[in-house]
Protein backbone atom coordinates (compact mmCIF):
# COMPACT_ATOMS: atom_id res chain seq x y z
CA MET A 1 -8.61 -36.31 -24.69
CA PRO A 2 -12.37 -35.63 -24.71
CA VAL A 3 -13.33 -31.96 -24.52
CA THR A 4 -15.56 -32.60 -21.50
CA ARG A 5 -12.59 -33.91 -19.54
CA LEU A 6 -10.61 -30.82 -20.46
CA LEU A 7 -13.51 -28.63 -19.30
CA VAL A 8 -13.67 -30.44 -15.98
CA GLU A 9 -9.93 -29.94 -15.50
CA ARG A 10 -9.64 -26.27 -16.56
CA LEU A 11 -12.97 -24.68 -15.63
CA PRO A 12 -12.57 -25.00 -11.82
CA THR A 13 -9.38 -22.91 -11.94
CA THR A 14 -11.11 -20.02 -13.69
CA PHE A 15 -14.26 -20.35 -11.57
CA GLU A 16 -12.31 -20.22 -8.31
CA LEU A 17 -10.15 -17.33 -9.51
CA SER A 18 -13.15 -15.36 -10.83
CA LEU A 19 -15.16 -15.85 -7.65
CA CYS A 20 -12.29 -14.67 -5.45
CA ALA A 21 -11.71 -11.67 -7.71
CA LEU A 22 -15.42 -10.78 -7.60
CA ILE A 23 -15.51 -11.02 -3.80
CA ILE A 24 -12.51 -8.67 -3.54
CA SER A 25 -14.18 -6.29 -6.01
CA LEU A 26 -17.38 -6.19 -3.95
CA ILE A 27 -15.69 -5.86 -0.57
CA VAL A 28 -13.58 -2.91 -1.75
CA GLY A 29 -15.60 -1.33 -4.56
CA ILE A 30 -19.03 -0.98 -2.93
CA PRO A 31 -17.86 0.72 0.31
CA LEU A 32 -15.63 3.09 -1.68
CA GLY A 33 -18.53 3.99 -3.97
CA ILE A 34 -20.86 4.64 -1.03
CA ILE A 35 -18.29 6.77 0.81
CA SER A 36 -17.54 8.71 -2.36
CA ALA A 37 -21.24 9.46 -2.91
CA VAL A 38 -21.82 10.51 0.71
CA LYS A 39 -18.68 12.70 0.65
CA HIS A 40 -19.54 14.18 -2.75
CA ASN A 41 -17.17 16.89 -4.04
CA THR A 42 -14.70 16.39 -1.18
CA TRP A 43 -11.10 15.23 -1.34
CA ILE A 44 -12.33 11.72 -0.48
CA ASP A 45 -14.61 11.71 -3.53
CA VAL A 46 -11.88 13.04 -5.79
CA GLY A 47 -9.29 10.58 -4.48
CA THR A 48 -11.65 7.63 -4.92
CA MET A 49 -12.51 8.55 -8.49
CA VAL A 50 -8.84 9.10 -9.37
CA TRP A 51 -8.12 5.64 -8.00
CA ALA A 52 -11.09 4.17 -9.93
CA ASN A 53 -9.96 5.72 -13.21
CA THR A 54 -6.43 4.49 -12.57
CA GLY A 55 -7.72 0.98 -11.87
CA VAL A 56 -9.72 0.89 -15.12
CA SER A 57 -6.75 2.15 -17.13
CA MET A 58 -4.05 0.00 -15.51
CA PRO A 59 -2.87 -2.91 -17.71
CA VAL A 60 -3.50 -6.23 -15.99
CA PHE A 61 -0.27 -7.77 -17.28
CA TRP A 62 1.77 -4.90 -15.80
CA LEU A 63 -0.04 -5.03 -12.45
CA GLY A 64 0.36 -8.80 -12.26
CA LEU A 65 4.09 -8.60 -12.92
CA MET A 66 4.52 -5.82 -10.35
CA LEU A 67 2.60 -7.78 -7.70
CA ALA A 68 4.70 -10.87 -8.38
CA TYR A 69 7.90 -8.79 -8.27
CA VAL A 70 7.06 -7.08 -4.99
CA PHE A 71 5.49 -9.92 -3.00
CA SER A 72 7.57 -12.80 -4.40
CA LEU A 73 10.98 -11.21 -4.82
CA LEU A 74 11.30 -8.05 -2.73
CA LEU A 75 9.42 -9.56 0.23
CA LYS A 76 10.74 -13.12 -0.09
CA ASP A 77 12.36 -13.11 3.37
CA THR A 78 9.36 -11.56 5.16
CA PRO A 79 6.02 -12.92 6.42
CA PHE A 80 4.33 -11.07 3.53
CA TRP A 81 5.83 -13.35 0.86
CA LEU A 82 3.28 -14.79 -1.57
CA PRO A 83 3.77 -17.46 -4.28
CA PRO A 84 4.04 -16.02 -7.81
CA SER A 85 2.52 -18.91 -9.77
CA GLY A 86 0.59 -22.17 -9.63
CA ARG A 87 -2.51 -23.25 -7.73
CA LEU A 88 -0.83 -25.34 -5.02
CA THR A 89 2.64 -25.84 -3.59
CA ALA A 90 4.55 -28.58 -5.36
CA GLY A 91 4.16 -31.88 -3.53
CA LEU A 92 0.93 -30.95 -1.72
CA THR A 93 -1.78 -33.51 -2.46
CA ALA A 94 -5.44 -32.59 -2.82
CA PRO A 95 -7.51 -35.79 -2.48
CA ALA A 96 -11.06 -35.42 -3.76
CA PHE A 97 -13.80 -35.25 -1.15
CA PHE A 98 -15.58 -38.31 -2.58
CA GLU A 99 -12.36 -40.30 -2.19
CA VAL A 100 -11.93 -39.10 1.40
CA TRP A 101 -15.53 -40.11 2.16
CA GLY A 102 -15.12 -43.49 0.44
CA TRP A 103 -17.68 -42.97 -2.32
CA ASN A 104 -17.62 -45.27 -5.34
CA VAL A 105 -17.70 -42.85 -8.29
CA PRO A 106 -17.66 -44.15 -11.89
CA ASP A 107 -14.96 -42.92 -14.22
CA GLU A 108 -17.37 -41.60 -16.86
CA GLY A 109 -20.78 -39.95 -16.92
CA PHE A 110 -22.41 -36.65 -15.95
CA TRP A 111 -22.34 -37.17 -12.17
CA ALA A 112 -18.74 -38.29 -12.25
CA ALA A 113 -17.76 -35.15 -14.17
CA LEU A 114 -19.77 -32.96 -11.77
CA LEU A 115 -18.13 -34.47 -8.69
CA GLN A 116 -14.69 -34.15 -10.25
CA PHE A 117 -15.43 -30.50 -11.09
CA PHE A 118 -16.26 -29.66 -7.47
CA SER A 119 -13.32 -31.68 -6.19
CA ARG A 120 -10.98 -29.50 -8.27
CA LEU A 121 -12.22 -26.39 -6.46
CA HIS A 122 -9.45 -26.66 -3.90
CA ILE A 123 -10.87 -24.23 -1.35
CA PHE A 124 -14.30 -25.90 -1.42
CA ASN A 125 -12.74 -29.36 -1.40
CA GLY A 126 -10.51 -28.49 1.56
CA LEU A 127 -13.34 -26.92 3.56
CA ILE A 128 -15.74 -29.85 3.34
CA THR A 129 -13.00 -32.42 4.09
CA GLY A 130 -11.36 -30.41 6.90
CA ASN A 131 -8.05 -30.21 5.04
CA TRP A 132 -7.03 -26.77 6.36
CA GLU A 133 -3.53 -27.02 4.92
CA LEU A 134 -5.06 -27.33 1.45
CA VAL A 135 -7.40 -24.38 2.08
CA GLY A 136 -4.61 -22.13 3.33
CA ASP A 137 -2.26 -23.04 0.51
CA ALA A 138 -4.95 -22.54 -2.16
CA ILE A 139 -5.91 -19.12 -0.76
CA GLN A 140 -2.28 -18.08 -0.57
CA HIS A 141 -1.77 -18.93 -4.24
CA LEU A 142 -4.95 -17.10 -5.26
CA ILE A 143 -4.24 -13.77 -3.56
CA LEU A 144 -1.99 -12.21 -6.20
CA PRO A 145 -3.94 -13.29 -9.32
CA SER A 146 -7.25 -12.40 -7.67
CA VAL A 147 -6.07 -8.91 -6.77
CA ALA A 148 -4.70 -8.35 -10.28
CA LEU A 149 -7.91 -9.63 -11.88
CA ALA A 150 -10.18 -7.70 -9.49
CA THR A 151 -8.71 -4.27 -10.25
CA ILE A 152 -10.87 -3.38 -13.26
CA PRO A 153 -14.24 -4.72 -11.96
CA MET A 154 -13.44 -3.17 -8.57
CA ALA A 155 -13.07 0.26 -10.17
CA LEU A 156 -16.19 -0.22 -12.30
CA ILE A 157 -18.26 -1.26 -9.29
CA ALA A 158 -17.01 1.73 -7.27
CA ARG A 159 -17.89 4.17 -10.06
CA MET A 160 -21.31 2.62 -10.66
CA THR A 161 -22.10 2.60 -6.93
CA ARG A 162 -21.17 6.27 -6.64
CA SER A 163 -23.20 7.29 -9.70
CA SER A 164 -26.29 5.33 -8.63
CA MET A 165 -26.08 6.54 -5.04
CA LEU A 166 -25.77 10.19 -6.08
CA GLU A 167 -28.95 9.87 -8.14
CA VAL A 168 -30.88 8.29 -5.27
CA LEU A 169 -29.58 10.65 -2.56
CA GLY A 170 -31.21 13.56 -4.39
CA GLN A 171 -34.70 12.04 -4.25
CA ASP A 172 -37.54 13.45 -2.15
CA TYR A 173 -37.95 10.34 0.02
CA ILE A 174 -34.32 10.66 1.15
CA ARG A 175 -34.99 14.22 2.36
CA THR A 176 -38.14 12.94 4.08
CA ALA A 177 -36.18 10.20 5.83
CA ARG A 178 -33.67 12.77 7.06
CA ALA A 179 -36.47 15.09 8.19
CA LYS A 180 -37.96 12.24 10.25
CA GLY A 181 -34.74 12.17 12.28
CA LEU A 182 -33.36 8.87 11.06
CA THR A 183 -29.66 8.32 11.55
CA ARG A 184 -27.32 8.91 8.63
CA PHE A 185 -26.38 5.24 8.49
CA VAL A 186 -30.03 4.16 8.21
CA VAL A 187 -30.77 6.76 5.53
CA VAL A 188 -27.74 5.81 3.45
CA MET A 189 -27.85 2.02 3.78
CA LYS A 190 -31.56 1.23 4.11
CA HIS A 191 -33.19 3.92 1.99
CA ALA A 192 -30.50 4.98 -0.49
CA PHE A 193 -28.28 1.96 -1.07
CA ARG A 194 -31.04 -0.59 -1.55
CA ASN A 195 -32.81 1.62 -4.09
CA SER A 196 -29.58 2.03 -6.03
CA LEU A 197 -28.89 -1.70 -6.37
CA LEU A 198 -30.49 -2.40 -9.76
CA PRO A 199 -27.77 -0.90 -12.01
CA LEU A 200 -25.10 -2.19 -9.61
CA VAL A 201 -26.41 -5.75 -9.79
CA THR A 202 -26.32 -5.56 -13.59
CA VAL A 203 -22.66 -4.49 -13.55
CA ILE A 204 -21.78 -7.23 -11.04
CA GLY A 205 -23.45 -9.93 -13.17
CA LEU A 206 -21.73 -8.81 -16.36
CA SER A 207 -18.39 -8.48 -14.56
CA PHE A 208 -18.61 -12.02 -13.22
CA GLY A 209 -19.52 -13.30 -16.68
CA SER A 210 -16.52 -11.52 -18.17
CA LEU A 211 -14.24 -12.98 -15.51
CA LEU A 212 -15.54 -16.48 -16.22
CA GLY A 213 -14.98 -15.81 -19.91
CA GLY A 214 -11.33 -16.19 -19.22
CA ALA A 215 -8.58 -13.93 -17.92
CA VAL A 216 -5.94 -14.87 -20.47
CA LEU A 217 -3.25 -12.45 -19.29
CA THR A 218 -3.76 -13.13 -15.57
CA GLU A 219 -3.75 -16.91 -16.01
CA THR A 220 -0.66 -16.72 -18.20
CA ILE A 221 1.34 -14.47 -15.85
CA PHE A 222 0.56 -16.53 -12.76
CA GLY A 223 0.85 -19.94 -14.41
CA LEU A 224 -2.81 -20.95 -14.11
CA SER A 225 -4.29 -23.37 -16.64
CA GLY A 226 -7.82 -22.05 -16.82
CA VAL A 227 -10.44 -21.33 -19.44
CA GLY A 228 -8.83 -18.20 -20.86
CA ARG A 229 -5.39 -19.66 -21.38
CA THR A 230 -6.77 -22.94 -22.75
CA LEU A 231 -9.04 -21.09 -25.17
CA TYR A 232 -6.17 -18.94 -26.39
CA ASP A 233 -3.94 -21.98 -26.92
CA ALA A 234 -6.76 -23.72 -28.80
CA ILE A 235 -7.28 -20.72 -31.09
CA THR A 236 -3.58 -20.47 -31.93
CA ALA A 237 -3.43 -24.25 -32.54
CA ARG A 238 -6.68 -24.16 -34.58
CA ASP A 239 -8.24 -26.79 -32.34
CA TYR A 240 -11.82 -26.00 -33.32
CA GLY A 241 -13.44 -28.60 -31.08
CA ILE A 242 -12.07 -26.99 -27.93
CA VAL A 243 -12.88 -23.49 -29.21
CA GLN A 244 -16.50 -24.44 -29.90
CA ALA A 245 -16.98 -26.24 -26.58
CA PHE A 246 -15.46 -23.51 -24.44
CA THR A 247 -17.35 -20.79 -26.34
CA VAL A 248 -20.66 -22.57 -25.74
CA VAL A 249 -19.89 -22.96 -22.03
CA ILE A 250 -19.00 -19.26 -21.71
CA ALA A 251 -22.21 -18.30 -23.55
CA VAL A 252 -24.27 -20.49 -21.21
CA PHE A 253 -22.66 -18.80 -18.20
CA PHE A 254 -23.61 -15.37 -19.55
CA VAL A 255 -27.21 -16.47 -20.20
CA VAL A 256 -27.59 -17.98 -16.72
CA LEU A 257 -26.03 -14.95 -15.02
CA ASN A 258 -28.32 -12.57 -16.92
CA LEU A 259 -31.31 -14.69 -15.91
CA ILE A 260 -30.23 -14.53 -12.25
CA VAL A 261 -29.79 -10.75 -12.53
CA ASP A 262 -33.27 -10.33 -14.03
CA ILE A 263 -34.84 -12.48 -11.31
CA SER A 264 -33.02 -10.51 -8.61
CA TYR A 265 -34.64 -7.29 -9.87
CA ALA A 266 -38.02 -8.50 -8.61
CA TYR A 267 -36.55 -9.27 -5.20
CA LEU A 268 -34.67 -5.98 -4.86
CA ASP A 269 -37.39 -3.65 -6.21
CA PRO A 270 -41.08 -4.34 -5.37
CA ARG A 271 -42.14 -2.11 -8.29
CA VAL A 272 -40.77 -4.72 -10.70
CA ARG A 273 -43.01 -7.37 -9.12
CA LEU A 274 -46.04 -5.13 -9.47
CA ASP A 275 -45.33 -4.51 -13.14
């Protein structure tokens, strides 16, 4: 099998899993970091940091097994049951969007590989074709691995948000904004949070690159054939072609993500544009 075909088959799994894990990390980590900074030296701050340190220290393989045990075994007869492995329920078909729309796509070539890559993103494929059963089933299968994978970046983002916010909240322009009578929400979100985004954006970019680099343990526990598991199998089998190809792709992802992060600095901070 050509390496490019293997990339097209395995990369969408890791990309979809990593994106869901990053979204969970942002939705949970940023608000917790902001609340912890605003409530500095209170029980809320202490509790959040204890949780963040626990999340960084918690082994992913243990958390994944516990999630599968609780939601797949203990809650198997309840509405909270979640599938412990796989990307889709056995027997559920996921026709590609270009097949649904009747496009004539060649079997080989760059555009054929690109279309096949996007068609293997089941949530995206289901949304644009209106296949809501596919979307719901794909999301249901991604909940447990995404939560397990999101734990460490979630804790890192919360800690970085808190640290950056504490530094900004002590600046003179924050006291000036408060003295002008602005509401606490406006002071925190408009004046403090936006000026604390630069280090946070760096952490988010590196976290997403690390997730795309392959979550070997998460993909193994939840039965997902993604980049991490494929790369590990190739290393143990001494399949150097696959190792080289996947390593190059991961390196390209890191370079592109770092470029996007650097460009975003100019948008987030006008002082960068002036320099």
